[in-house]
Amino acid sequence: MKAVYKNLALILSLVFTLSIIGLAYYLYIFPERIANQTHVFSLMDIEALRPVLLELYTFCGVSLIIGFLAIIMLIFSKNSENDSNVVYIEKFKDSKKDKSQDFNNESKKAEVSVELTEVAQALSKQKDNKKKAELLLSTVAGKLEASQGAIFKAGKEGDKNIISLYASYAFVLPESQTVSYEFGEGLAGQVAKEQKLINISDIPEGYITILSGLGEAKPSYLIICPIKKDDQLVGVVEIASFKKMGKKEEQLIEDAMSLIAESLSEKGQKVNPEK
């Protein structure tokens, strides 16, 4: 309905402008028409009327200019109002988008919180620290549909900072063999050095291989996360999966690993990656 009124206003403005132009032209030929049509006075007498006619023409010209300016200002004000409405609508859309994103983030945090409670309940039944770590890996892997996991414990070997395999899930390794990395060595060692989580979607060739009764397969996604206790590194966890893992999964891994940070710090040395 507003569009109809707007179009009607523009049409009436155009008609008004044309009528003013027509009136100005008619006033211009008005003296000659009086002389030719009525014969009340001759064309020679028109010269005597010039001062009066000039005043009339001036008045009509000023009125015409004012009318044009009014119409132009009306059109510009309408366009400005439309632009303001567009800006307002865009801001409203952005606001809704931000609120929707905030809601999604809060929803993800709520989901992580529920899953973390379930993980904590499962761990409360286990007393042995190493078995607790293995249970944690198994539970988290089940939540994330992950295919493999490993927890490395931070420590010292001489004057070197290292991380050593502490617990694993679906990790093929002979019992007599140990796995350890110096800080900065490999992906896990680099995470231990920088103490920053990494989420990889292009795992280096040969880095991880999943063995099953159906053969071997290479996972597509890998999260490596530092485990901290009182802002000190106590370990590193690796979670590999064939399924993509995002922010929600990263948050779950970080929060879940905090449940065993205390046990990893027991009977072990907290290390400083800068040394």
C-alpha atoms as a PDB file:
ATOM      1  CA  MET A   1       0.000   0.000   0.000  1.00  0.00           C
ATOM      2  CA  LYS A   2       2.880   2.361   0.772  1.00  0.00           C
ATOM      3  CA  ALA A   3       4.290   1.759  -2.698  1.00  0.00           C
ATOM      4  CA  VAL A   4       0.932   2.787  -4.253  1.00  0.00           C
ATOM      5  CA  TYR A   5       0.878   6.037  -2.254  1.00  0.00           C
ATOM      6  CA  LYS A   6       4.466   6.752  -3.197  1.00  0.00           C
ATOM      7  CA  ASN A   7       3.782   6.264  -6.909  1.00  0.00           C
ATOM      8  CA  LEU A   8       0.636   8.377  -6.684  1.00  0.00           C
ATOM      9  CA  ALA A   9       2.591  11.190  -4.987  1.00  0.00           C
ATOM     10  CA  LEU A  10       5.196  11.131  -7.753  1.00  0.00           C
ATOM     11  CA  ILE A  11       2.500  11.256 -10.459  1.00  0.00           C
ATOM     12  CA  LEU A  12       0.739  14.193  -8.769  1.00  0.00           C
ATOM     13  CA  SER A  13       4.069  16.002  -8.426  1.00  0.00           C
ATOM     14  CA  LEU A  14       4.700  15.556 -12.138  1.00  0.00           C
ATOM     15  CA  VAL A  15       1.215  16.802 -13.018  1.00  0.00           C
ATOM     16  CA  PHE A  16       1.723  19.803 -10.721  1.00  0.00           C
ATOM     17  CA  THR A  17       4.997  20.646 -12.450  1.00  0.00           C
ATOM     18  CA  LEU A  18       3.471  20.395 -15.914  1.00  0.00           C
ATOM     19  CA  SER A  19       0.482  22.505 -14.877  1.00  0.00           C
ATOM     20  CA  ILE A  20       2.784  25.245 -13.542  1.00  0.00           C
ATOM     21  CA  ILE A  21       4.706  25.232 -16.813  1.00  0.00           C
ATOM     22  CA  GLY A  22       1.439  25.387 -18.750  1.00  0.00           C
ATOM     23  CA  LEU A  23       0.188  28.248 -16.571  1.00  0.00           C
ATOM     24  CA  ALA A  24       3.423  30.206 -17.088  1.00  0.00           C
ATOM     25  CA  TYR A  25       3.137  29.807 -20.857  1.00  0.00           C
ATOM     26  CA  TYR A  26      -0.541  30.814 -20.802  1.00  0.00           C
ATOM     27  CA  LEU A  27       0.252  33.962 -18.789  1.00  0.00           C
ATOM     28  CA  TYR A  28       2.963  34.794 -21.305  1.00  0.00           C
ATOM     29  CA  ILE A  29       0.480  34.775 -24.245  1.00  0.00           C
ATOM     30  CA  PHE A  30      -2.433  36.056 -22.148  1.00  0.00           C
ATOM     31  CA  PRO A  31      -2.196  39.746 -23.245  1.00  0.00           C
ATOM     32  CA  GLU A  32      -2.151  38.855 -26.920  1.00  0.00           C
ATOM     33  CA  ARG A  33      -5.112  36.504 -26.491  1.00  0.00           C
ATOM     34  CA  ILE A  34      -7.120  39.262 -24.782  1.00  0.00           C
ATOM     35  CA  ALA A  35      -6.279  41.660 -27.588  1.00  0.00           C
ATOM     36  CA  ASN A  36      -7.092  39.166 -30.346  1.00  0.00           C
ATOM     37  CA  GLN A  37     -10.172  37.571 -28.789  1.00  0.00           C
ATOM     38  CA  THR A  38     -11.958  40.482 -27.097  1.00  0.00           C
ATOM     39  CA  HIS A  39     -10.746  43.541 -29.075  1.00  0.00           C
ATOM     40  CA  VAL A  40     -11.058  45.520 -25.819  1.00  0.00           C
ATOM     41  CA  PHE A  41      -7.626  47.000 -26.457  1.00  0.00           C
ATOM     42  CA  SER A  42      -5.118  46.729 -29.252  1.00  0.00           C
ATOM     43  CA  LEU A  43      -1.685  45.122 -29.310  1.00  0.00           C
ATOM     44  CA  MET A  44      -0.182  48.611 -29.056  1.00  0.00           C
ATOM     45  CA  ASP A  45      -1.757  49.005 -25.639  1.00  0.00           C
ATOM     46  CA  ILE A  46      -0.030  45.859 -24.370  1.00  0.00           C
ATOM     47  CA  GLU A  47       3.258  47.763 -23.996  1.00  0.00           C
ATOM     48  CA  ALA A  48       1.622  49.864 -21.298  1.00  0.00           C
ATOM     49  CA  LEU A  49       0.787  46.710 -19.378  1.00  0.00           C
ATOM     50  CA  ARG A  50       4.392  45.383 -19.429  1.00  0.00           C
ATOM     51  CA  PRO A  51       5.326  46.497 -15.863  1.00  0.00           C
ATOM     52  CA  VAL A  52       2.261  44.774 -14.411  1.00  0.00           C
ATOM     53  CA  LEU A  53       2.828  41.671 -16.535  1.00  0.00           C
ATOM     54  CA  LEU A  54       6.504  41.568 -15.506  1.00  0.00           C
ATOM     55  CA  GLU A  55       5.443  41.484 -11.852  1.00  0.00           C
ATOM     56  CA  LEU A  56       3.037  38.653 -12.682  1.00  0.00           C
ATOM     57  CA  TYR A  57       5.736  36.737 -14.581  1.00  0.00           C
ATOM     58  CA  THR A  58       8.214  37.209 -11.719  1.00  0.00           C
ATOM     59  CA  PHE A  59       5.715  35.935  -9.175  1.00  0.00           C
ATOM     60  CA  CYS A  60       4.896  32.903 -11.319  1.00  0.00           C
ATOM     61  CA  GLY A  61       8.617  32.191 -11.944  1.00  0.00           C
ATOM     62  CA  VAL A  62       9.452  32.295  -8.241  1.00  0.00           C
ATOM     63  CA  SER A  63       6.460  30.055  -7.478  1.00  0.00           C
ATOM     64  CA  LEU A  64       7.629  27.619 -10.166  1.00  0.00           C
ATOM     65  CA  ILE A  65      11.182  27.485  -8.763  1.00  0.00           C
ATOM     66  CA  ILE A  66       9.876  26.965  -5.205  1.00  0.00           C
ATOM     67  CA  GLY A  67       7.608  24.167  -6.469  1.00  0.00           C
ATOM     68  CA  PHE A  68      10.526  22.447  -8.237  1.00  0.00           C
ATOM     69  CA  LEU A  69      12.748  22.708  -5.156  1.00  0.00           C
ATOM     70  CA  ALA A  70       9.991  21.322  -2.943  1.00  0.00           C
ATOM     71  CA  ILE A  71       9.504  18.330  -5.253  1.00  0.00           C
ATOM     72  CA  ILE A  72      13.263  17.653  -5.472  1.00  0.00           C
ATOM     73  CA  MET A  73      13.647  17.838  -1.687  1.00  0.00           C
ATOM     74  CA  LEU A  74      10.672  15.498  -1.267  1.00  0.00           C
ATOM     75  CA  ILE A  75      12.213  12.932  -3.610  1.00  0.00           C
ATOM     76  CA  PHE A  76      15.623  13.136  -1.899  1.00  0.00           C
ATOM     77  CA  SER A  77      14.080  12.859   1.555  1.00  0.00           C
ATOM     78  CA  LYS A  78      12.202   9.734   0.483  1.00  0.00           C
ATOM     79  CA  ASN A  79      15.391   8.191  -0.914  1.00  0.00           C
ATOM     80  CA  SER A  80      17.263   9.089   2.267  1.00  0.00           C
ATOM     81  CA  GLU A  81      14.526   7.487   4.341  1.00  0.00           C
ATOM     82  CA  ASN A  82      14.709   4.349   2.214  1.00  0.00           C
ATOM     83  CA  ASP A  83      18.492   4.228   2.620  1.00  0.00           C
ATOM     84  CA  SER A  84      18.094   4.579   6.390  1.00  0.00           C
ATOM     85  CA  ASN A  85      15.564   1.779   6.384  1.00  0.00           C
ATOM     86  CA  VAL A  86      17.932  -0.417   4.391  1.00  0.00           C
ATOM     87  CA  VAL A  87      20.766   0.301   6.831  1.00  0.00           C
ATOM     88  CA  TYR A  88      18.474  -0.395   9.775  1.00  0.00           C
ATOM     89  CA  ILE A  89      17.278  -3.649   8.222  1.00  0.00           C
ATOM     90  CA  GLU A  90      20.867  -4.715   7.526  1.00  0.00           C
ATOM     91  CA  LYS A  91      21.866  -3.904  11.104  1.00  0.00           C
ATOM     92  CA  PHE A  92      18.826  -5.817  12.348  1.00  0.00           C
ATOM     93  CA  LYS A  93      19.814  -8.817  10.223  1.00  0.00           C
ATOM     94  CA  ASP A  94      23.402  -8.631  11.519  1.00  0.00           C
ATOM     95  CA  SER A  95      22.090  -8.391  15.073  1.00  0.00           C
ATOM     96  CA  LYS A  96      19.897 -11.453  14.545  1.00  0.00           C
ATOM     97  CA  LYS A  97      22.851 -13.287  13.009  1.00  0.00           C
ATOM     98  CA  ASP A  98      25.080 -12.424  15.992  1.00  0.00           C
ATOM     99  CA  LYS A  99      22.375 -13.494  18.429  1.00  0.00           C
ATOM    100  CA  SER A 100      21.880 -16.723  16.491  1.00  0.00           C
ATOM    101  CA  GLN A 101      25.626 -17.381  16.566  1.00  0.00           C
ATOM    102  CA  ASP A 102      25.756 -16.666  20.295  1.00  0.00           C
ATOM    103  CA  PHE A 103      22.826 -19.036  20.822  1.00  0.00           C
ATOM    104  CA  ASN A 104      24.581 -21.752  18.808  1.00  0.00           C
ATOM    105  CA  ASN A 105      27.774 -21.265  20.838  1.00  0.00           C
ATOM    106  CA  GLU A 106      25.844 -21.465  24.109  1.00  0.00           C
ATOM    107  CA  SER A 107      24.020 -24.539  22.827  1.00  0.00           C
ATOM    108  CA  LYS A 108      27.329 -26.215  21.985  1.00  0.00           C
ATOM    109  CA  LYS A 109      28.712 -25.371  25.432  1.00  0.00           C
ATOM    110  CA  ALA A 110      25.602 -26.869  27.037  1.00  0.00           C
ATOM    111  CA  GLU A 111      26.038 -30.073  25.008  1.00  0.00           C
ATOM    112  CA  VAL A 112      29.718 -30.282  26.027  1.00  0.00           C
ATOM    113  CA  SER A 113      28.751 -29.742  29.655  1.00  0.00           C
ATOM    114  CA  VAL A 114      26.286 -32.636  29.583  1.00  0.00           C
ATOM    115  CA  GLU A 115      28.774 -34.958  27.894  1.00  0.00           C
ATOM    116  CA  LEU A 116      31.517 -33.914  30.315  1.00  0.00           C
ATOM    117  CA  THR A 117      29.294 -34.797  33.276  1.00  0.00           C
ATOM    118  CA  GLU A 118      28.831 -38.282  31.836  1.00  0.00           C
ATOM    119  CA  VAL A 119      32.606 -38.629  31.376  1.00  0.00           C
ATOM    120  CA  ALA A 120      33.269 -37.500  34.966  1.00  0.00           C
ATOM    121  CA  GLN A 121      30.751 -40.024  36.300  1.00  0.00           C
ATOM    122  CA  ALA A 122      32.498 -42.820  34.411  1.00  0.00           C
ATOM    123  CA  LEU A 123      35.914 -41.800  35.801  1.00  0.00           C
ATOM    124  CA  SER A 124      34.695 -41.581  39.408  1.00  0.00           C
ATOM    125  CA  LYS A 125      34.384 -45.365  39.513  1.00  0.00           C
ATOM    126  CA  GLN A 126      38.046 -45.902  38.607  1.00  0.00           C
ATOM    127  CA  LYS A 127      40.869 -45.424  41.155  1.00  0.00           C
ATOM    128  CA  ASP A 128      44.007 -46.419  39.228  1.00  0.00           C
ATOM    129  CA  ASN A 129      45.389 -43.358  37.429  1.00  0.00           C
ATOM    130  CA  LYS A 130      46.582 -45.147  34.290  1.00  0.00           C
ATOM    131  CA  LYS A 131      43.355 -47.115  33.936  1.00  0.00           C
ATOM    132  CA  LYS A 132      41.493 -43.850  34.546  1.00  0.00           C
ATOM    133  CA  ALA A 133      43.367 -42.274  31.609  1.00  0.00           C
ATOM    134  CA  GLU A 134      42.588 -45.275  29.389  1.00  0.00           C
ATOM    135  CA  LEU A 135      38.925 -45.142  30.406  1.00  0.00           C
ATOM    136  CA  LEU A 136      38.864 -41.413  29.659  1.00  0.00           C
ATOM    137  CA  LEU A 137      40.286 -41.968  26.188  1.00  0.00           C
ATOM    138  CA  SER A 138      37.792 -44.752  25.507  1.00  0.00           C
ATOM    139  CA  THR A 139      34.857 -42.645  26.717  1.00  0.00           C
ATOM    140  CA  VAL A 140      35.883 -39.532  24.779  1.00  0.00           C
ATOM    141  CA  ALA A 141      36.529 -41.591  21.650  1.00  0.00           C
ATOM    142  CA  GLY A 142      33.028 -43.039  21.944  1.00  0.00           C
ATOM    143  CA  LYS A 143      31.510 -39.559  22.333  1.00  0.00           C
ATOM    144  CA  LEU A 144      33.397 -38.218  19.301  1.00  0.00           C
ATOM    145  CA  GLU A 145      33.214 -41.415  17.213  1.00  0.00           C
ATOM    146  CA  ALA A 146      37.020 -41.239  17.162  1.00  0.00           C
ATOM    147  CA  SER A 147      39.123 -44.160  15.966  1.00  0.00           C
ATOM    148  CA  GLN A 148      42.303 -43.757  18.005  1.00  0.00           C
ATOM    149  CA  GLY A 149      43.693 -41.842  20.970  1.00  0.00           C
ATOM    150  CA  ALA A 150      46.842 -41.457  23.022  1.00  0.00           C
ATOM    151  CA  ILE A 151      47.830 -39.560  26.164  1.00  0.00           C
ATOM    152  CA  PHE A 152      51.455 -38.561  26.653  1.00  0.00           C
ATOM    153  CA  LYS A 153      52.816 -37.585  30.045  1.00  0.00           C
ATOM    154  CA  ALA A 154      55.284 -34.728  30.326  1.00  0.00           C
ATOM    155  CA  GLY A 155      58.542 -35.277  32.138  1.00  0.00           C
ATOM    156  CA  LYS A 156      62.328 -35.049  32.065  1.00  0.00           C
ATOM    157  CA  GLU A 157      65.022 -37.227  30.545  1.00  0.00           C
ATOM    158  CA  GLY A 158      68.298 -35.811  31.709  1.00  0.00           C
ATOM    159  CA  ASP A 159      68.167 -32.141  30.833  1.00  0.00           C
ATOM    160  CA  LYS A 160      65.604 -32.675  28.059  1.00  0.00           C
ATOM    161  CA  ASN A 161      61.883 -32.031  28.264  1.00  0.00           C
ATOM    162  CA  ILE A 162      59.997 -35.013  26.852  1.00  0.00           C
ATOM    163  CA  ILE A 163      56.521 -36.488  26.583  1.00  0.00           C
ATOM    164  CA  SER A 164      56.088 -40.256  26.948  1.00  0.00           C
ATOM    165  CA  LEU A 165      53.141 -42.444  26.013  1.00  0.00           C
ATOM    166  CA  TYR A 166      51.061 -42.974  29.151  1.00  0.00           C
ATOM    167  CA  ALA A 167      47.718 -44.367  27.973  1.00  0.00           C
ATOM    168  CA  SER A 168      46.220 -45.283  24.626  1.00  0.00           C
ATOM    169  CA  TYR A 169      43.029 -46.299  22.834  1.00  0.00           C
ATOM    170  CA  ALA A 170      43.142 -48.566  19.740  1.00  0.00           C
ATOM    171  CA  PHE A 171      46.879 -47.882  19.589  1.00  0.00           C
ATOM    172  CA  VAL A 172      48.947 -50.791  18.284  1.00  0.00           C
ATOM    173  CA  LEU A 173      52.243 -50.991  20.181  1.00  0.00           C
ATOM    174  CA  PRO A 174      54.177 -53.923  21.676  1.00  0.00           C
ATOM    175  CA  GLU A 175      54.249 -53.845  25.484  1.00  0.00           C
ATOM    176  CA  SER A 176      58.052 -53.768  25.556  1.00  0.00           C
ATOM    177  CA  GLN A 177      58.222 -50.709  23.282  1.00  0.00           C
ATOM    178  CA  THR A 178      57.922 -47.147  24.525  1.00  0.00           C
ATOM    179  CA  VAL A 179      57.130 -43.961  22.627  1.00  0.00           C
ATOM    180  CA  SER A 180      58.507 -40.586  23.639  1.00  0.00           C
ATOM    181  CA  TYR A 181      59.220 -37.272  21.957  1.00  0.00           C
ATOM    182  CA  GLU A 182      61.339 -34.298  22.852  1.00  0.00           C
ATOM    183  CA  PHE A 183      59.580 -30.954  22.963  1.00  0.00           C
ATOM    184  CA  GLY A 184      59.390 -29.682  19.395  1.00  0.00           C
ATOM    185  CA  GLU A 185      59.786 -33.166  17.901  1.00  0.00           C
ATOM    186  CA  GLY A 186      56.911 -34.228  15.658  1.00  0.00           C
ATOM    187  CA  LEU A 187      53.381 -32.863  15.962  1.00  0.00           C
ATOM    188  CA  ALA A 188      52.856 -33.964  19.567  1.00  0.00           C
ATOM    189  CA  GLY A 189      56.247 -32.567  20.592  1.00  0.00           C
ATOM    190  CA  GLN A 190      55.453 -29.267  18.884  1.00  0.00           C
ATOM    191  CA  VAL A 191      52.159 -28.973  20.764  1.00  0.00           C
ATOM    192  CA  ALA A 192      54.029 -29.690  24.004  1.00  0.00           C
ATOM    193  CA  LYS A 193      56.496 -26.921  23.190  1.00  0.00           C
ATOM    194  CA  GLU A 194      53.942 -24.285  22.121  1.00  0.00           C
ATOM    195  CA  GLN A 195      51.149 -25.483  24.466  1.00  0.00           C
ATOM    196  CA  LYS A 196      48.535 -24.722  21.822  1.00  0.00           C
ATOM    197  CA  LEU A 197      45.833 -27.046  20.480  1.00  0.00           C
ATOM    198  CA  ILE A 198      45.994 -27.946  16.791  1.00  0.00           C
ATOM    199  CA  ASN A 199      43.222 -29.409  14.642  1.00  0.00           C
ATOM    200  CA  ILE A 200      44.555 -31.065  11.493  1.00  0.00           C
ATOM    201  CA  SER A 201      42.472 -32.113   8.496  1.00  0.00           C
ATOM    202  CA  ASP A 202      45.454 -33.223   6.383  1.00  0.00           C
ATOM    203  CA  ILE A 203      47.403 -35.782   8.417  1.00  0.00           C
ATOM    204  CA  PRO A 204      50.974 -36.381   7.163  1.00  0.00           C
ATOM    205  CA  GLU A 205      51.466 -39.626   5.281  1.00  0.00           C
ATOM    206  CA  GLY A 206      52.340 -42.516   7.604  1.00  0.00           C
ATOM    207  CA  TYR A 207      51.722 -40.526  10.803  1.00  0.00           C
ATOM    208  CA  ILE A 208      48.813 -42.713  11.982  1.00  0.00           C
ATOM    209  CA  THR A 209      47.414 -45.980  10.693  1.00  0.00           C
ATOM    210  CA  ILE A 210      44.286 -47.632  12.090  1.00  0.00           C
ATOM    211  CA  LEU A 211      44.377 -51.433  12.161  1.00  0.00           C
ATOM    212  CA  SER A 212      41.225 -53.528  12.186  1.00  0.00           C
ATOM    213  CA  GLY A 213      39.998 -56.890  11.019  1.00  0.00           C
ATOM    214  CA  LEU A 214      39.212 -55.242   7.690  1.00  0.00           C
ATOM    215  CA  GLY A 215      42.767 -54.047   7.134  1.00  0.00           C
ATOM    216  CA  GLU A 216      44.539 -50.706   7.487  1.00  0.00           C
ATOM    217  CA  ALA A 217      43.160 -47.186   7.034  1.00  0.00           C
ATOM    218  CA  LYS A 218      44.428 -43.645   7.483  1.00  0.00           C
ATOM    219  CA  PRO A 219      42.288 -41.267   9.577  1.00  0.00           C
ATOM    220  CA  SER A 220      41.424 -37.917   8.049  1.00  0.00           C
ATOM    221  CA  TYR A 221      41.296 -35.697  11.131  1.00  0.00           C
ATOM    222  CA  LEU A 222      43.512 -35.251  14.171  1.00  0.00           C
ATOM    223  CA  ILE A 223      43.318 -33.060  17.271  1.00  0.00           C
ATOM    224  CA  ILE A 224      46.404 -32.691  19.466  1.00  0.00           C
ATOM    225  CA  CYS A 225      45.756 -30.844  22.707  1.00  0.00           C
ATOM    226  CA  PRO A 226      48.038 -29.827  25.599  1.00  0.00           C
ATOM    227  CA  ILE A 227      46.987 -30.935  29.093  1.00  0.00           C
ATOM    228  CA  LYS A 228      47.677 -28.362  31.801  1.00  0.00           C
ATOM    229  CA  LYS A 229      47.568 -28.170  35.570  1.00  0.00           C
ATOM    230  CA  ASP A 230      47.848 -24.681  37.095  1.00  0.00           C
ATOM    231  CA  ASP A 231      49.043 -23.318  33.717  1.00  0.00           C
ATOM    232  CA  GLN A 232      51.848 -25.898  33.650  1.00  0.00           C
ATOM    233  CA  LEU A 233      52.086 -28.579  30.968  1.00  0.00           C
ATOM    234  CA  VAL A 234      51.566 -32.070  32.383  1.00  0.00           C
ATOM    235  CA  GLY A 235      50.766 -33.948  29.184  1.00  0.00           C
ATOM    236  CA  VAL A 236      49.509 -34.024  25.597  1.00  0.00           C
ATOM    237  CA  VAL A 237      46.573 -35.900  24.091  1.00  0.00           C
ATOM    238  CA  GLU A 238      46.041 -37.018  20.494  1.00  0.00           C
ATOM    239  CA  ILE A 239      42.592 -37.915  19.127  1.00  0.00           C
ATOM    240  CA  ALA A 240      42.323 -39.248  15.558  1.00  0.00           C
ATOM    241  CA  SER A 241      39.085 -39.700  13.639  1.00  0.00           C
ATOM    242  CA  PHE A 242      37.630 -40.386  10.219  1.00  0.00           C
ATOM    243  CA  LYS A 243      34.951 -37.820  11.074  1.00  0.00           C
ATOM    244  CA  LYS A 244      35.561 -34.058  11.006  1.00  0.00           C
ATOM    245  CA  MET A 245      36.002 -32.479  14.437  1.00  0.00           C
ATOM    246  CA  GLY A 246      35.189 -28.835  15.116  1.00  0.00           C
ATOM    247  CA  LYS A 247      35.065 -26.349  17.997  1.00  0.00           C
ATOM    248  CA  LYS A 248      32.603 -28.411  20.022  1.00  0.00           C
ATOM    249  CA  GLU A 249      34.864 -31.464  19.841  1.00  0.00           C
ATOM    250  CA  GLU A 250      37.922 -29.367  20.702  1.00  0.00           C
ATOM    251  CA  GLN A 251      36.136 -28.000  23.776  1.00  0.00           C
ATOM    252  CA  LEU A 252      35.079 -31.469  24.900  1.00  0.00           C
ATOM    253  CA  ILE A 253      38.629 -32.803  24.591  1.00  0.00           C
ATOM    254  CA  GLU A 254      40.121 -29.849  26.503  1.00  0.00           C
ATOM    255  CA  ASP A 255      37.559 -30.074  29.305  1.00  0.00           C
ATOM    256  CA  ALA A 256      37.724 -33.862  29.520  1.00  0.00           C
ATOM    257  CA  MET A 257      41.515 -33.898  29.763  1.00  0.00           C
ATOM    258  CA  SER A 258      41.371 -31.443  32.662  1.00  0.00           C
ATOM    259  CA  LEU A 259      39.773 -34.291  34.646  1.00  0.00           C
ATOM    260  CA  ILE A 260      43.050 -36.229  34.694  1.00  0.00           C
ATOM    261  CA  ALA A 261      45.470 -33.290  34.800  1.00  0.00           C
ATOM    262  CA  GLU A 262      45.861 -33.768  38.544  1.00  0.00           C
ATOM    263  CA  SER A 263      46.768 -37.453  38.218  1.00  0.00           C
ATOM    264  CA  LEU A 264      49.263 -36.712  35.416  1.00  0.00           C
ATOM    265  CA  SER A 265      51.003 -34.179  37.621  1.00  0.00           C
ATOM    266  CA  GLU A 266      51.413 -36.707  40.462  1.00  0.00           C
ATOM    267  CA  LYS A 267      54.779 -38.428  40.808  1.00  0.00           C
ATOM    268  CA  GLY A 268      56.019 -36.522  37.826  1.00  0.00           C
ATOM    269  CA  GLN A 269      57.851 -33.323  37.072  1.00  0.00           C
ATOM    270  CA  LYS A 270      56.071 -30.323  35.685  1.00  0.00           C
ATOM    271  CA  VAL A 271      58.171 -28.995  32.865  1.00  0.00           C
ATOM    272  CA  ASN A 272      58.805 -25.582  31.390  1.00  0.00           C
ATOM    273  CA  PRO A 273      58.881 -25.725  27.571  1.00  0.00           C
ATOM    274  CA  GLU A 274      61.107 -22.651  27.427  1.00  0.00           C
ATOM    275  CA  LYS A 275      64.010 -24.547  29.007  1.00  0.00           C
END
